[in-house]
Protein backbone atom coordinates (compact mmCIF):
# COMPACT_ATOMS: atom_id res chain seq x y z
CA UNK A 1 0.00 0.00 0.00
CA UNK A 2 1.33 3.41 -0.97
CA UNK A 3 0.44 6.41 1.17
CA UNK A 4 0.00 9.24 -1.30
CA UNK A 5 2.72 10.73 -3.46
CA UNK A 6 4.82 11.72 -0.44
CA UNK A 7 4.76 8.35 1.30
CA UNK A 8 7.53 6.65 3.22
CA UNK A 9 9.68 6.21 0.09
CA UNK A 10 9.97 9.97 -0.41
CA UNK A 11 9.71 11.46 3.08
CA UNK A 12 11.64 8.71 4.84
CA UNK A 13 14.83 9.32 2.88
CA UNK A 14 14.45 13.10 3.14
CA UNK A 15 14.05 12.96 6.93
CA UNK A 16 16.94 10.51 7.23
CA UNK A 17 19.21 12.72 5.14
CA UNK A 18 18.30 15.77 7.23
CA UNK A 19 18.96 13.85 10.46
CA UNK A 20 22.38 12.74 9.22
CA UNK A 21 23.28 16.28 8.16
CA UNK A 22 22.29 17.60 11.56
CA UNK A 23 24.31 14.89 13.33
CA UNK A 24 27.39 15.89 11.30
CA UNK A 25 26.89 19.51 12.38
CA UNK A 26 26.79 18.43 16.02
CA UNK A 27 29.72 16.03 15.73
CA UNK A 28 32.44 18.40 17.05
CA UNK A 29 30.39 19.24 20.15
CA UNK A 30 29.47 15.59 20.78
CA UNK A 31 33.09 14.44 20.33
CA UNK A 32 34.31 17.16 22.69
CA UNK A 33 31.93 16.01 25.40
CA UNK A 34 32.74 12.34 24.79
CA UNK A 35 36.40 13.19 25.23
CA UNK A 36 35.59 14.68 28.61
CA UNK A 37 33.80 11.47 29.61
CA UNK A 38 30.30 12.97 29.77
CA UNK A 39 27.36 10.59 30.09
CA UNK A 40 24.47 10.96 27.66
CA UNK A 41 22.45 12.59 30.43
CA UNK A 42 25.18 15.14 31.04
CA UNK A 43 25.57 15.76 27.29
CA UNK A 44 21.83 16.45 27.05
CA UNK A 45 22.05 18.91 29.94
CA UNK A 46 25.11 20.61 28.43
CA UNK A 47 23.55 20.91 24.95
CA UNK A 48 20.46 22.50 26.48
CA UNK A 49 22.61 24.81 28.57
CA UNK A 50 24.58 25.87 25.47
CA UNK A 51 21.25 26.61 23.76
CA UNK A 52 21.90 24.12 20.98
CA UNK A 53 18.57 23.45 19.31
CA UNK A 54 17.18 19.96 18.89
CA UNK A 55 15.79 19.14 15.45
CA UNK A 56 12.33 20.15 16.67
CA UNK A 57 13.56 23.06 18.77
CA UNK A 58 12.92 21.37 22.10
CA UNK A 59 14.95 20.29 25.10
CA UNK A 60 17.68 17.69 24.80
CA UNK A 61 17.16 14.29 26.43
CA UNK A 62 19.62 11.40 26.78
CA UNK A 63 17.69 9.43 24.13
CA UNK A 64 18.02 12.33 21.66
CA UNK A 65 21.78 12.40 22.23
CA UNK A 66 21.90 8.62 21.77
CA UNK A 67 20.14 8.89 18.40
CA UNK A 68 22.62 11.54 17.21
CA UNK A 69 25.52 9.37 18.31
CA UNK A 70 24.06 6.35 16.46
CA UNK A 71 23.82 8.40 13.29
CA UNK A 72 27.46 9.44 13.66
CA UNK A 73 28.52 5.80 14.11
CA UNK A 74 26.68 4.66 10.97
């Protein structure tokens, strides 16, 4: 079943590409914090404190940091 002309085939790859681009932008900050031995919880707190925007403009959470790190590892 196809969901309209902008179904998963079109939007899925666009969202994935955008998420990977955003992860690459955050890579220097994430690597810096990893080098300091920060936990994902502490990274989330630090990103929020530095006023780094999440993809949706919200607050950082450890799971959000984990997803960025998984994209960087891929």
